[in-house]
Amino acid sequence: MSFPNLIIQRATETDLSDLQSISILTFCQAFEQFNTADDMQLYLENCLSIEQLNKEMETEVSSFFLAKIEGITIGYLKLNQGISDQNDLEGQGLEIERIYVVEEYLGTGIGQELYAFAVEKATEIRATHLWLGVWEHNPRAIRFYEKLGFEPFGTQQFILGKDIQTDILMRLSLV
């Protein structure tokens, strides 16, 4: 499906409220049914507060991008540059930390558009690879990344509230 009205734009401080809203909505849509209400609430308060998102946005190596159709935010992307050394990857990496799309647009190609945008950004900085972490119990996302050519290379912990979960680390070579 083609979206001629799709705009992907860098989020700025004036977008913080919109970024928080889309972050909470899409995170809850994706994970609420699999986690306790207490763990979800703790995660939302600690990781998706305006203050935390602003702090991340002000970090030089992190960038948020909003996906909009006719002015309505339907998804977002968070990229981190040069943070892959903790995962024993060589070369210049670009992490796709978050790529979320509202439920109504899942399977329509918006995720693919956000991914293609991430590849463009990786090309601009001459990254040698893209990498990401995906929850081990998220088969839809795992399949999405496998279809794009990502391959697993390890695991890392992800703390949701008080629950310690496991993310599969995946990598895609760009060279």
C-alpha atoms as a PDB file:
ATOM      1  CA  MET A   1       0.000   0.000   0.000  1.00  0.00           C
ATOM      2  CA  SER A   2       1.308   3.428  -0.896  1.00  0.00           C
ATOM      3  CA  PHE A   3       0.873   6.464   1.321  1.00  0.00           C
ATOM      4  CA  PRO A   4       1.437   9.606  -0.746  1.00  0.00           C
ATOM      5  CA  ASN A   5       0.390  11.739   2.227  1.00  0.00           C
ATOM      6  CA  LEU A   6       2.862  10.113   4.632  1.00  0.00           C
ATOM      7  CA  ILE A   7       5.350  12.524   6.169  1.00  0.00           C
ATOM      8  CA  ILE A   8       8.208  11.390   8.382  1.00  0.00           C
ATOM      9  CA  GLN A   9       9.703  14.316  10.267  1.00  0.00           C
ATOM     10  CA  ARG A  10      12.199  14.758  13.052  1.00  0.00           C
ATOM     11  CA  ALA A  11      10.500  15.367  16.399  1.00  0.00           C
ATOM     12  CA  THR A  12      11.459  18.536  18.233  1.00  0.00           C
ATOM     13  CA  GLU A  13      10.784  19.853  21.709  1.00  0.00           C
ATOM     14  CA  THR A  14       7.442  21.240  20.504  1.00  0.00           C
ATOM     15  CA  ASP A  15       6.426  17.671  19.569  1.00  0.00           C
ATOM     16  CA  LEU A  16       7.020  16.206  23.052  1.00  0.00           C
ATOM     17  CA  SER A  17       3.337  15.876  23.936  1.00  0.00           C
ATOM     18  CA  ASP A  18       2.568  14.224  20.596  1.00  0.00           C
ATOM     19  CA  LEU A  19       5.614  11.964  20.957  1.00  0.00           C
ATOM     20  CA  GLN A  20       4.540  10.920  24.442  1.00  0.00           C
ATOM     21  CA  SER A  21       0.977  10.220  23.285  1.00  0.00           C
ATOM     22  CA  ILE A  22       2.052   8.038  20.352  1.00  0.00           C
ATOM     23  CA  SER A  23       4.687   6.318  22.498  1.00  0.00           C
ATOM     24  CA  ILE A  24       2.198   5.369  25.195  1.00  0.00           C
ATOM     25  CA  LEU A  25      -0.546   4.383  22.749  1.00  0.00           C
ATOM     26  CA  THR A  26       1.615   2.123  20.606  1.00  0.00           C
ATOM     27  CA  PHE A  27       3.510   0.591  23.529  1.00  0.00           C
ATOM     28  CA  CYS A  28       0.246  -0.264  25.274  1.00  0.00           C
ATOM     29  CA  GLN A  29      -1.263  -1.658  22.078  1.00  0.00           C
ATOM     30  CA  ALA A  30       1.784  -3.865  21.574  1.00  0.00           C
ATOM     31  CA  PHE A  31       2.467  -5.097  25.102  1.00  0.00           C
ATOM     32  CA  GLU A  32      -0.372  -4.395  27.542  1.00  0.00           C
ATOM     33  CA  GLN A  33      -1.986  -7.801  27.061  1.00  0.00           C
ATOM     34  CA  PHE A  34       1.269  -9.608  27.885  1.00  0.00           C
ATOM     35  CA  ASN A  35       2.312  -7.740  31.027  1.00  0.00           C
ATOM     36  CA  THR A  36       0.863  -6.801  34.406  1.00  0.00           C
ATOM     37  CA  ALA A  37      -0.822  -3.446  34.873  1.00  0.00           C
ATOM     38  CA  ASP A  38       1.716  -2.542  37.566  1.00  0.00           C
ATOM     39  CA  ASP A  39       4.717  -3.295  35.324  1.00  0.00           C
ATOM     40  CA  MET A  40       3.166  -1.364  32.447  1.00  0.00           C
ATOM     41  CA  GLN A  41       2.429   1.644  34.672  1.00  0.00           C
ATOM     42  CA  LEU A  42       5.980   1.696  36.053  1.00  0.00           C
ATOM     43  CA  TYR A  43       7.433   1.513  32.543  1.00  0.00           C
ATOM     44  CA  LEU A  44       5.186   4.285  31.231  1.00  0.00           C
ATOM     45  CA  GLU A  45       5.985   6.547  34.185  1.00  0.00           C
ATOM     46  CA  ASN A  46       9.745   5.938  34.073  1.00  0.00           C
ATOM     47  CA  CYS A  47      10.461   5.554  30.376  1.00  0.00           C
ATOM     48  CA  LEU A  48       7.761   7.441  28.501  1.00  0.00           C
ATOM     49  CA  SER A  49       7.296  10.518  30.670  1.00  0.00           C
ATOM     50  CA  ILE A  50       7.679  13.940  29.057  1.00  0.00           C
ATOM     51  CA  GLU A  51      10.825  14.470  31.132  1.00  0.00           C
ATOM     52  CA  GLN A  52      12.411  11.189  30.038  1.00  0.00           C
ATOM     53  CA  LEU A  53      11.519  11.652  26.370  1.00  0.00           C
ATOM     54  CA  ASN A  54      12.915  15.189  26.482  1.00  0.00           C
ATOM     55  CA  LYS A  55      16.121  13.925  28.067  1.00  0.00           C
ATOM     56  CA  GLU A  56      16.473  11.295  25.318  1.00  0.00           C
ATOM     57  CA  MET A  57      15.663  13.849  22.627  1.00  0.00           C
ATOM     58  CA  GLU A  58      18.384  16.156  23.927  1.00  0.00           C
ATOM     59  CA  THR A  59      20.955  13.360  23.744  1.00  0.00           C
ATOM     60  CA  GLU A  60      23.216  14.056  20.788  1.00  0.00           C
ATOM     61  CA  VAL A  61      23.227  10.449  19.558  1.00  0.00           C
ATOM     62  CA  SER A  62      19.437   9.915  19.673  1.00  0.00           C
ATOM     63  CA  SER A  63      16.760  11.109  17.257  1.00  0.00           C
ATOM     64  CA  PHE A  64      12.989  10.685  17.194  1.00  0.00           C
ATOM     65  CA  PHE A  65      10.936  10.825  14.006  1.00  0.00           C
ATOM     66  CA  LEU A  66       7.141  11.064  13.768  1.00  0.00           C
ATOM     67  CA  ALA A  67       5.160   9.421  10.974  1.00  0.00           C
ATOM     68  CA  LYS A  68       2.098  11.473  10.062  1.00  0.00           C
ATOM     69  CA  ILE A  69      -0.738  11.217   7.590  1.00  0.00           C
ATOM     70  CA  GLU A  70      -2.783  14.386   7.099  1.00  0.00           C
ATOM     71  CA  GLY A  71      -1.360  15.809  10.318  1.00  0.00           C
ATOM     72  CA  ILE A  72      -2.234  12.782  12.461  1.00  0.00           C
ATOM     73  CA  THR A  73       0.665  10.920  14.057  1.00  0.00           C
ATOM     74  CA  ILE A  74       0.363   7.203  13.280  1.00  0.00           C
ATOM     75  CA  GLY A  75       3.803   5.967  14.295  1.00  0.00           C
ATOM     76  CA  TYR A  76       7.315   6.870  15.275  1.00  0.00           C
ATOM     77  CA  LEU A  77      10.926   5.847  15.114  1.00  0.00           C
ATOM     78  CA  LYS A  78      13.835   6.322  17.513  1.00  0.00           C
ATOM     79  CA  LEU A  79      17.394   5.961  16.224  1.00  0.00           C
ATOM     80  CA  ASN A  80      20.625   5.870  18.223  1.00  0.00           C
ATOM     81  CA  GLN A  81      23.972   6.427  16.578  1.00  0.00           C
ATOM     82  CA  GLY A  82      27.201   4.761  17.664  1.00  0.00           C
ATOM     83  CA  ILE A  83      25.941   2.923  20.746  1.00  0.00           C
ATOM     84  CA  SER A  84      26.450  -0.643  19.501  1.00  0.00           C
ATOM     85  CA  ASP A  85      29.859  -1.190  21.094  1.00  0.00           C
ATOM     86  CA  GLN A  86      28.157  -2.785  24.104  1.00  0.00           C
ATOM     87  CA  ASN A  87      27.074  -5.574  21.762  1.00  0.00           C
ATOM     88  CA  ASP A  88      30.477  -6.410  20.289  1.00  0.00           C
ATOM     89  CA  LEU A  89      29.615  -5.097  16.833  1.00  0.00           C
ATOM     90  CA  GLU A  90      32.427  -3.586  14.824  1.00  0.00           C
ATOM     91  CA  GLY A  91      32.080  -0.526  12.646  1.00  0.00           C
ATOM     92  CA  GLN A  92      29.686   2.408  12.704  1.00  0.00           C
ATOM     93  CA  GLY A  93      26.268   1.190  13.806  1.00  0.00           C
ATOM     94  CA  LEU A  94      22.830   2.718  13.874  1.00  0.00           C
ATOM     95  CA  GLU A  95      20.369   1.297  16.373  1.00  0.00           C
ATOM     96  CA  ILE A  96      16.662   1.182  15.668  1.00  0.00           C
ATOM     97  CA  GLU A  97      15.601   1.464  19.307  1.00  0.00           C
ATOM     98  CA  ARG A  98      11.915   1.970  18.647  1.00  0.00           C
ATOM     99  CA  ILE A  99       9.752   1.546  15.598  1.00  0.00           C
ATOM    100  CA  TYR A 100       6.054   1.619  16.433  1.00  0.00           C
ATOM    101  CA  VAL A 101       2.896   2.020  14.394  1.00  0.00           C
ATOM    102  CA  VAL A 102      -0.662   2.378  15.702  1.00  0.00           C
ATOM    103  CA  GLU A 103      -2.678  -0.825  15.520  1.00  0.00           C
ATOM    104  CA  GLU A 104      -4.962   0.365  12.708  1.00  0.00           C
ATOM    105  CA  TYR A 105      -1.950   0.772  10.408  1.00  0.00           C
ATOM    106  CA  LEU A 106      -0.153  -2.490  11.228  1.00  0.00           C
ATOM    107  CA  GLY A 107       0.424  -4.528   8.090  1.00  0.00           C
ATOM    108  CA  THR A 108      -0.136  -1.574   5.755  1.00  0.00           C
ATOM    109  CA  GLY A 109       3.495  -0.795   4.983  1.00  0.00           C
ATOM    110  CA  ILE A 110       4.001   2.088   7.435  1.00  0.00           C
ATOM    111  CA  GLY A 111       6.521   0.011   9.400  1.00  0.00           C
ATOM    112  CA  GLN A 112       8.347  -0.665   6.136  1.00  0.00           C
ATOM    113  CA  GLU A 113       8.369   3.084   5.390  1.00  0.00           C
ATOM    114  CA  LEU A 114       9.860   3.828   8.812  1.00  0.00           C
ATOM    115  CA  TYR A 115      12.456   1.107   8.262  1.00  0.00           C
ATOM    116  CA  ALA A 116      13.357   2.533   4.820  1.00  0.00           C
ATOM    117  CA  PHE A 117      13.733   5.939   6.469  1.00  0.00           C
ATOM    118  CA  ALA A 118      16.114   4.391   9.035  1.00  0.00           C
ATOM    119  CA  VAL A 119      18.169   2.892   6.186  1.00  0.00           C
ATOM    120  CA  GLU A 120      18.389   6.355   4.570  1.00  0.00           C
ATOM    121  CA  LYS A 121      19.660   7.814   7.856  1.00  0.00           C
ATOM    122  CA  ALA A 122      22.170   4.962   8.182  1.00  0.00           C
ATOM    123  CA  THR A 123      23.411   5.659   4.653  1.00  0.00           C
ATOM    124  CA  GLU A 124      23.796   9.363   5.448  1.00  0.00           C
ATOM    125  CA  ILE A 125      26.119   8.600   8.368  1.00  0.00           C
ATOM    126  CA  ARG A 126      27.882   5.787   6.481  1.00  0.00           C
ATOM    127  CA  ALA A 127      26.809   3.163   9.009  1.00  0.00           C
ATOM    128  CA  THR A 128      28.122  -0.332   8.370  1.00  0.00           C
ATOM    129  CA  HIS A 129      25.148  -1.988  10.035  1.00  0.00           C
ATOM    130  CA  LEU A 130      21.758  -1.525  11.616  1.00  0.00           C
ATOM    131  CA  TRP A 131      20.952  -3.297  14.859  1.00  0.00           C
ATOM    132  CA  LEU A 132      18.051  -3.575  17.268  1.00  0.00           C
ATOM    133  CA  GLY A 133      16.578  -5.502  20.146  1.00  0.00           C
ATOM    134  CA  VAL A 134      13.189  -7.198  19.837  1.00  0.00           C
ATOM    135  CA  TRP A 135      11.267  -8.916  22.618  1.00  0.00           C
ATOM    136  CA  GLU A 136      11.643 -12.680  22.378  1.00  0.00           C
ATOM    137  CA  HIS A 137       7.838 -13.069  22.693  1.00  0.00           C
ATOM    138  CA  ASN A 138       7.007 -10.735  19.794  1.00  0.00           C
ATOM    139  CA  PRO A 139       6.859 -13.096  16.787  1.00  0.00           C
ATOM    140  CA  ARG A 140       5.282 -10.511  14.477  1.00  0.00           C
ATOM    141  CA  ALA A 141       8.188  -8.076  14.959  1.00  0.00           C
ATOM    142  CA  ILE A 142      10.771 -10.869  14.743  1.00  0.00           C
ATOM    143  CA  ARG A 143       9.293 -12.015  11.393  1.00  0.00           C
ATOM    144  CA  PHE A 144       9.228  -8.411  10.153  1.00  0.00           C
ATOM    145  CA  TYR A 145      12.946  -7.974  10.844  1.00  0.00           C
ATOM    146  CA  GLU A 146      13.880 -11.410   9.511  1.00  0.00           C
ATOM    147  CA  LYS A 147      12.113 -10.598   6.215  1.00  0.00           C
ATOM    148  CA  LEU A 148      14.276  -7.466   6.019  1.00  0.00           C
ATOM    149  CA  GLY A 149      17.407  -9.582   6.400  1.00  0.00           C
ATOM    150  CA  PHE A 150      18.203  -9.048  10.082  1.00  0.00           C
ATOM    151  CA  GLU A 151      19.935 -11.931  11.825  1.00  0.00           C
ATOM    152  CA  PRO A 152      20.116 -12.647  15.560  1.00  0.00           C
ATOM    153  CA  PHE A 153      23.494 -12.213  17.241  1.00  0.00           C
ATOM    154  CA  GLY A 154      22.743 -12.273  20.963  1.00  0.00           C
ATOM    155  CA  THR A 155      20.376 -11.232  23.720  1.00  0.00           C
ATOM    156  CA  GLN A 156      20.072  -8.476  26.294  1.00  0.00           C
ATOM    157  CA  GLN A 157      17.848  -7.763  29.252  1.00  0.00           C
ATOM    158  CA  PHE A 158      14.946  -5.362  29.004  1.00  0.00           C
ATOM    159  CA  ILE A 159      13.298  -4.249  32.223  1.00  0.00           C
ATOM    160  CA  LEU A 160       9.582  -3.560  31.996  1.00  0.00           C
ATOM    161  CA  GLY A 161       8.494  -2.251  35.379  1.00  0.00           C
ATOM    162  CA  LYS A 162       9.904  -4.884  37.703  1.00  0.00           C
ATOM    163  CA  ASP A 163       9.860  -7.695  35.136  1.00  0.00           C
ATOM    164  CA  ILE A 164      13.194  -8.650  33.583  1.00  0.00           C
ATOM    165  CA  GLN A 165      12.567  -9.713  29.992  1.00  0.00           C
ATOM    166  CA  THR A 166      14.831 -10.861  27.175  1.00  0.00           C
ATOM    167  CA  ASP A 167      15.323  -9.063  23.873  1.00  0.00           C
ATOM    168  CA  ILE A 168      16.832 -10.818  20.889  1.00  0.00           C
ATOM    169  CA  LEU A 169      19.555  -8.650  19.378  1.00  0.00           C
ATOM    170  CA  MET A 170      19.431  -8.559  15.582  1.00  0.00           C
ATOM    171  CA  ARG A 171      21.853  -7.110  13.044  1.00  0.00           C
ATOM    172  CA  LEU A 172      21.755  -6.213   9.355  1.00  0.00           C
ATOM    173  CA  SER A 173      24.972  -5.543   7.484  1.00  0.00           C
ATOM    174  CA  LEU A 174      24.851  -2.547   5.147  1.00  0.00           C
ATOM    175  CA  VAL A 175      28.222  -3.144   3.462  1.00  0.00           C
END
